[in-house]
Amino acid sequence: MAADPPDVLLVDIYMPDVDDFEVIARMRMIAPGIRIIAISGDIVRGHPTHVLAVSA
């Protein structure tokens, strides 16, 4: 993936068995310029702010 990093990451905030915020943080390390779209059908107070903090 390092040779051709993705342009966009589309991630569900509530994936089963995966730390969703860790996925975002790792992708930022692999592809610092990646655009991230974080979606969810369920919003919990604080998660939108956490996504912005991890994605910044």
PDB file of N, CA and C in Angstrom:
ATOM      1  N   MET A   1       0.820  -1.190   0.000  1.00  0.00           N
ATOM      2  CA  MET A   1       0.000   0.000   0.000  1.00  0.00           C
ATOM      3  C   MET A   1       0.866   1.257   0.000  1.00  0.00           C
ATOM      4  N   ALA A   2       2.063   1.199   0.500  1.00  0.00           N
ATOM      5  CA  ALA A   2       2.915   2.378   0.570  1.00  0.00           C
ATOM      6  C   ALA A   2       3.267   2.909  -0.822  1.00  0.00           C
ATOM      7  N   ALA A   3       3.370   2.030  -1.813  1.00  0.00           N
ATOM      8  CA  ALA A   3       3.716   2.462  -3.153  1.00  0.00           C
ATOM      9  C   ALA A   3       2.587   3.242  -3.808  1.00  0.00           C
ATOM     10  N   ASP A   4       1.364   2.908  -3.487  1.00  0.00           N
ATOM     11  CA  ASP A   4       0.203   3.583  -4.063  1.00  0.00           C
ATOM     12  C   ASP A   4      -0.860   3.756  -2.981  1.00  0.00           C
ATOM     13  N   PRO A   5      -0.656   4.718  -2.066  1.00  0.00           N
ATOM     14  CA  PRO A   5      -1.602   4.876  -0.969  1.00  0.00           C
ATOM     15  C   PRO A   5      -2.966   5.328  -1.472  1.00  0.00           C
ATOM     16  N   PRO A   6      -4.015   4.980  -0.730  1.00  0.00           N
ATOM     17  CA  PRO A   6      -5.355   5.395  -1.135  1.00  0.00           C
ATOM     18  C   PRO A   6      -5.539   6.900  -0.983  1.00  0.00           C
ATOM     19  N   ASP A   7      -6.472   7.452  -1.738  1.00  0.00           N
ATOM     20  CA  ASP A   7      -6.790   8.876  -1.647  1.00  0.00           C
ATOM     21  C   ASP A   7      -7.823   9.154  -0.568  1.00  0.00           C
ATOM     22  N   VAL A   8      -8.741   8.173  -0.366  1.00  0.00           N
ATOM     23  CA  VAL A   8      -9.855   8.362   0.557  1.00  0.00           C
ATOM     24  C   VAL A   8     -10.050   7.106   1.393  1.00  0.00           C
ATOM     25  N   LEU A   9     -10.353   7.293   2.674  1.00  0.00           N
ATOM     26  CA  LEU A   9     -10.719   6.194   3.557  1.00  0.00           C
ATOM     27  C   LEU A   9     -12.159   6.423   3.981  1.00  0.00           C
ATOM     28  N   LEU A  10     -13.018   5.466   3.680  1.00  0.00           N
ATOM     29  CA  LEU A  10     -14.407   5.491   4.108  1.00  0.00           C
ATOM     30  C   LEU A  10     -14.520   4.467   5.228  1.00  0.00           C
ATOM     31  N   VAL A  11     -14.806   4.926   6.447  1.00  0.00           N
ATOM     32  CA  VAL A  11     -14.792   4.034   7.604  1.00  0.00           C
ATOM     33  C   VAL A  11     -16.060   4.210   8.439  1.00  0.00           C
ATOM     34  N   ASP A  12     -16.601   3.076   8.864  1.00  0.00           N
ATOM     35  CA  ASP A  12     -17.747   3.084   9.782  1.00  0.00           C
ATOM     36  C   ASP A  12     -17.182   3.191  11.197  1.00  0.00           C
ATOM     37  N   ILE A  13     -17.706   4.087  11.983  1.00  0.00           N
ATOM     38  CA  ILE A  13     -17.186   4.295  13.326  1.00  0.00           C
ATOM     39  C   ILE A  13     -17.455   3.103  14.234  1.00  0.00           C
ATOM     40  N   TYR A  14     -18.463   2.325  13.942  1.00  0.00           N
ATOM     41  CA  TYR A  14     -18.820   1.196  14.805  1.00  0.00           C
ATOM     42  C   TYR A  14     -18.624  -0.133  14.088  1.00  0.00           C
ATOM     43  N   MET A  15     -17.390  -0.464  13.728  1.00  0.00           N
ATOM     44  CA  MET A  15     -17.107  -1.755  13.119  1.00  0.00           C
ATOM     45  C   MET A  15     -16.970  -2.799  14.222  1.00  0.00           C
ATOM     46  N   PRO A  16     -17.520  -3.994  14.001  1.00  0.00           N
ATOM     47  CA  PRO A  16     -17.388  -5.036  15.020  1.00  0.00           C
ATOM     48  C   PRO A  16     -15.954  -5.559  15.092  1.00  0.00           C
ATOM     49  N   ASP A  17     -15.479  -5.780  16.296  1.00  0.00           N
ATOM     50  CA  ASP A  17     -14.165  -6.393  16.539  1.00  0.00           C
ATOM     51  C   ASP A  17     -12.980  -5.565  16.082  1.00  0.00           C
ATOM     52  N   VAL A  18     -13.169  -4.270  15.826  1.00  0.00           N
ATOM     53  CA  VAL A  18     -12.073  -3.419  15.366  1.00  0.00           C
ATOM     54  C   VAL A  18     -12.140  -2.092  16.123  1.00  0.00           C
ATOM     55  N   ASP A  19     -10.981  -1.573  16.541  1.00  0.00           N
ATOM     56  CA  ASP A  19     -10.921  -0.241  17.142  1.00  0.00           C
ATOM     57  C   ASP A  19     -10.914   0.760  15.997  1.00  0.00           C
ATOM     58  N   ASP A  20     -12.060   1.338  15.761  1.00  0.00           N
ATOM     59  CA  ASP A  20     -12.262   2.202  14.602  1.00  0.00           C
ATOM     60  C   ASP A  20     -11.325   3.405  14.598  1.00  0.00           C
ATOM     61  N   PHE A  21     -11.083   3.970  15.768  1.00  0.00           N
ATOM     62  CA  PHE A  21     -10.203   5.126  15.848  1.00  0.00           C
ATOM     63  C   PHE A  21      -8.753   4.733  15.588  1.00  0.00           C
ATOM     64  N   GLU A  22      -8.386   3.514  15.935  1.00  0.00           N
ATOM     65  CA  GLU A  22      -7.044   3.011  15.641  1.00  0.00           C
ATOM     66  C   GLU A  22      -6.853   2.859  14.136  1.00  0.00           C
ATOM     67  N   VAL A  23      -7.886   2.419  13.428  1.00  0.00           N
ATOM     68  CA  VAL A  23      -7.826   2.308  11.963  1.00  0.00           C
ATOM     69  C   VAL A  23      -7.520   3.685  11.367  1.00  0.00           C
ATOM     70  N   ILE A  24      -8.214   4.699  11.845  1.00  0.00           N
ATOM     71  CA  ILE A  24      -8.000   6.059  11.337  1.00  0.00           C
ATOM     72  C   ILE A  24      -6.582   6.532  11.640  1.00  0.00           C
ATOM     73  N   ALA A  25      -6.126   6.317  12.860  1.00  0.00           N
ATOM     74  CA  ALA A  25      -4.778   6.756  13.250  1.00  0.00           C
ATOM     75  C   ALA A  25      -3.706   6.039  12.429  1.00  0.00           C
ATOM     76  N   ARG A  26      -3.863   4.744  12.207  1.00  0.00           N
ATOM     77  CA  ARG A  26      -2.872   3.994  11.415  1.00  0.00           C
ATOM     78  C   ARG A  26      -2.862   4.431   9.965  1.00  0.00           C
ATOM     79  N   MET A  27      -4.031   4.711   9.411  1.00  0.00           N
ATOM     80  CA  MET A  27      -4.070   5.178   8.028  1.00  0.00           C
ATOM     81  C   MET A  27      -3.404   6.543   7.896  1.00  0.00           C
ATOM     82  N   ARG A  28      -3.517   7.382   8.917  1.00  0.00           N
ATOM     83  CA  ARG A  28      -2.833   8.684   8.898  1.00  0.00           C
ATOM     84  C   ARG A  28      -1.321   8.493   8.872  1.00  0.00           C
ATOM     85  N   MET A  29      -0.816   7.455   9.538  1.00  0.00           N
ATOM     86  CA  MET A  29       0.622   7.190   9.523  1.00  0.00           C
ATOM     87  C   MET A  29       1.056   6.657   8.161  1.00  0.00           C
ATOM     88  N   ILE A  30       0.232   5.816   7.546  1.00  0.00           N
ATOM     89  CA  ILE A  30       0.563   5.219   6.253  1.00  0.00           C
ATOM     90  C   ILE A  30       0.425   6.237   5.125  1.00  0.00           C
ATOM     91  N   ALA A  31      -0.644   7.006   5.165  1.00  0.00           N
ATOM     92  CA  ALA A  31      -0.938   7.974   4.103  1.00  0.00           C
ATOM     93  C   ALA A  31      -1.360   9.293   4.752  1.00  0.00           C
ATOM     94  N   PRO A  32      -0.402  10.136   5.135  1.00  0.00           N
ATOM     95  CA  PRO A  32      -0.719  11.371   5.864  1.00  0.00           C
ATOM     96  C   PRO A  32      -1.703  12.297   5.152  1.00  0.00           C
ATOM     97  N   GLY A  33      -1.726  12.290   3.846  1.00  0.00           N
ATOM     98  CA  GLY A  33      -2.611  13.185   3.099  1.00  0.00           C
ATOM     99  C   GLY A  33      -3.978  12.605   2.796  1.00  0.00           C
ATOM    100  N   ILE A  34      -4.273  11.429   3.335  1.00  0.00           N
ATOM    101  CA  ILE A  34      -5.531  10.757   3.018  1.00  0.00           C
ATOM    102  C   ILE A  34      -6.723  11.558   3.528  1.00  0.00           C
ATOM    103  N   ARG A  35      -7.780  11.559   2.744  1.00  0.00           N
ATOM    104  CA  ARG A  35      -9.033  12.172   3.174  1.00  0.00           C
ATOM    105  C   ARG A  35      -9.842  11.076   3.859  1.00  0.00           C
ATOM    106  N   ILE A  36     -10.464  11.422   4.977  1.00  0.00           N
ATOM    107  CA  ILE A  36     -11.198  10.431   5.748  1.00  0.00           C
ATOM    108  C   ILE A  36     -12.663  10.828   5.845  1.00  0.00           C
ATOM    109  N   ILE A  37     -13.519   9.888   5.508  1.00  0.00           N
ATOM    110  CA  ILE A  37     -14.953  10.053   5.687  1.00  0.00           C
ATOM    111  C   ILE A  37     -15.371   9.021   6.723  1.00  0.00           C
ATOM    112  N   ALA A  38     -15.754   9.476   7.914  1.00  0.00           N
ATOM    113  CA  ALA A  38     -16.190   8.594   8.989  1.00  0.00           C
ATOM    114  C   ALA A  38     -17.708   8.681   9.079  1.00  0.00           C
ATOM    115  N   ILE A  39     -18.357   7.535   8.972  1.00  0.00           N
ATOM    116  CA  ILE A  39     -19.815   7.500   8.995  1.00  0.00           C
ATOM    117  C   ILE A  39     -20.293   6.567  10.097  1.00  0.00           C
ATOM    118  N   SER A  40     -21.549   6.709  10.442  1.00  0.00           N
ATOM    119  CA  SER A  40     -22.175   5.789  11.382  1.00  0.00           C
ATOM    120  C   SER A  40     -23.671   6.018  11.379  1.00  0.00           C
ATOM    121  N   GLY A  41     -24.405   4.967  11.654  1.00  0.00           N
ATOM    122  CA  GLY A  41     -25.852   5.083  11.797  1.00  0.00           C
ATOM    123  C   GLY A  41     -26.237   5.432  13.221  1.00  0.00           C
ATOM    124  N   ASP A  42     -25.270   5.450  14.126  1.00  0.00           N
ATOM    125  CA  ASP A  42     -25.529   5.710  15.533  1.00  0.00           C
ATOM    126  C   ASP A  42     -24.478   6.685  16.042  1.00  0.00           C
ATOM    127  N   ILE A  43     -24.906   7.824  16.564  1.00  0.00           N
ATOM    128  CA  ILE A  43     -23.964   8.818  17.065  1.00  0.00           C
ATOM    129  C   ILE A  43     -23.996   8.828  18.591  1.00  0.00           C
ATOM    130  N   VAL A  44     -22.832   8.698  19.167  1.00  0.00           N
ATOM    131  CA  VAL A  44     -22.666   8.756  20.615  1.00  0.00           C
ATOM    132  C   VAL A  44     -21.954  10.055  20.933  1.00  0.00           C
ATOM    133  N   ARG A  45     -22.406  10.737  21.950  1.00  0.00           N
ATOM    134  CA  ARG A  45     -21.804  12.018  22.323  1.00  0.00           C
ATOM    135  C   ARG A  45     -20.292  11.856  22.504  1.00  0.00           C
ATOM    136  N   GLY A  46     -19.532  12.725  21.872  1.00  0.00           N
ATOM    137  CA  GLY A  46     -18.081  12.698  21.998  1.00  0.00           C
ATOM    138  C   GLY A  46     -17.386  12.026  20.825  1.00  0.00           C
ATOM    139  N   HIS A  47     -18.032  11.096  20.153  1.00  0.00           N
ATOM    140  CA  HIS A  47     -17.368  10.412  19.051  1.00  0.00           C
ATOM    141  C   HIS A  47     -17.061  11.332  17.877  1.00  0.00           C
ATOM    142  N   PRO A  48     -17.966  12.227  17.462  1.00  0.00           N
ATOM    143  CA  PRO A  48     -17.584  13.132  16.362  1.00  0.00           C
ATOM    144  C   PRO A  48     -16.330  13.944  16.684  1.00  0.00           C
ATOM    145  N   THR A  49     -16.210  14.407  17.921  1.00  0.00           N
ATOM    146  CA  THR A  49     -15.033  15.165  18.331  1.00  0.00           C
ATOM    147  C   THR A  49     -13.808  14.286  18.327  1.00  0.00           C
ATOM    148  N   HIS A  50     -13.946  13.043  18.778  1.00  0.00           N
ATOM    149  CA  HIS A  50     -12.814  12.100  18.799  1.00  0.00           C
ATOM    150  C   HIS A  50     -12.346  11.802  17.381  1.00  0.00           C
ATOM    151  N   VAL A  51     -13.280  11.622  16.451  1.00  0.00           N
ATOM    152  CA  VAL A  51     -12.898  11.369  15.053  1.00  0.00           C
ATOM    153  C   VAL A  51     -12.101  12.547  14.521  1.00  0.00           C
ATOM    154  N   LEU A  52     -12.540  13.762  14.806  1.00  0.00           N
ATOM    155  CA  LEU A  52     -11.809  14.936  14.328  1.00  0.00           C
ATOM    156  C   LEU A  52     -10.431  15.024  14.946  1.00  0.00           C
ATOM    157  N   ALA A  53     -10.301  14.692  16.202  1.00  0.00           N
ATOM    158  CA  ALA A  53      -9.000  14.748  16.878  1.00  0.00           C
ATOM    159  C   ALA A  53      -8.037  13.723  16.303  1.00  0.00           C
ATOM    160  N   VAL A  54      -8.517  12.527  16.043  1.00  0.00           N
ATOM    161  CA  VAL A  54      -7.664  11.461  15.509  1.00  0.00           C
ATOM    162  C   VAL A  54      -7.320  11.745  14.048  1.00  0.00           C
ATOM    163  N   SER A  55      -8.240  12.335  13.324  1.00  0.00           N
ATOM    164  CA  SER A  55      -8.058  12.551  11.887  1.00  0.00           C
ATOM    165  C   SER A  55      -7.234  13.783  11.571  1.00  0.00           C
ATOM    166  N   ALA A  56      -7.120  14.702  12.496  1.00  0.00           N
ATOM    167  CA  ALA A  56      -6.433  15.957  12.226  1.00  0.00           C
ATOM    168  C   ALA A  56      -4.958  15.763  11.943  1.00  0.00           C
TER     169      ALA A  56
END
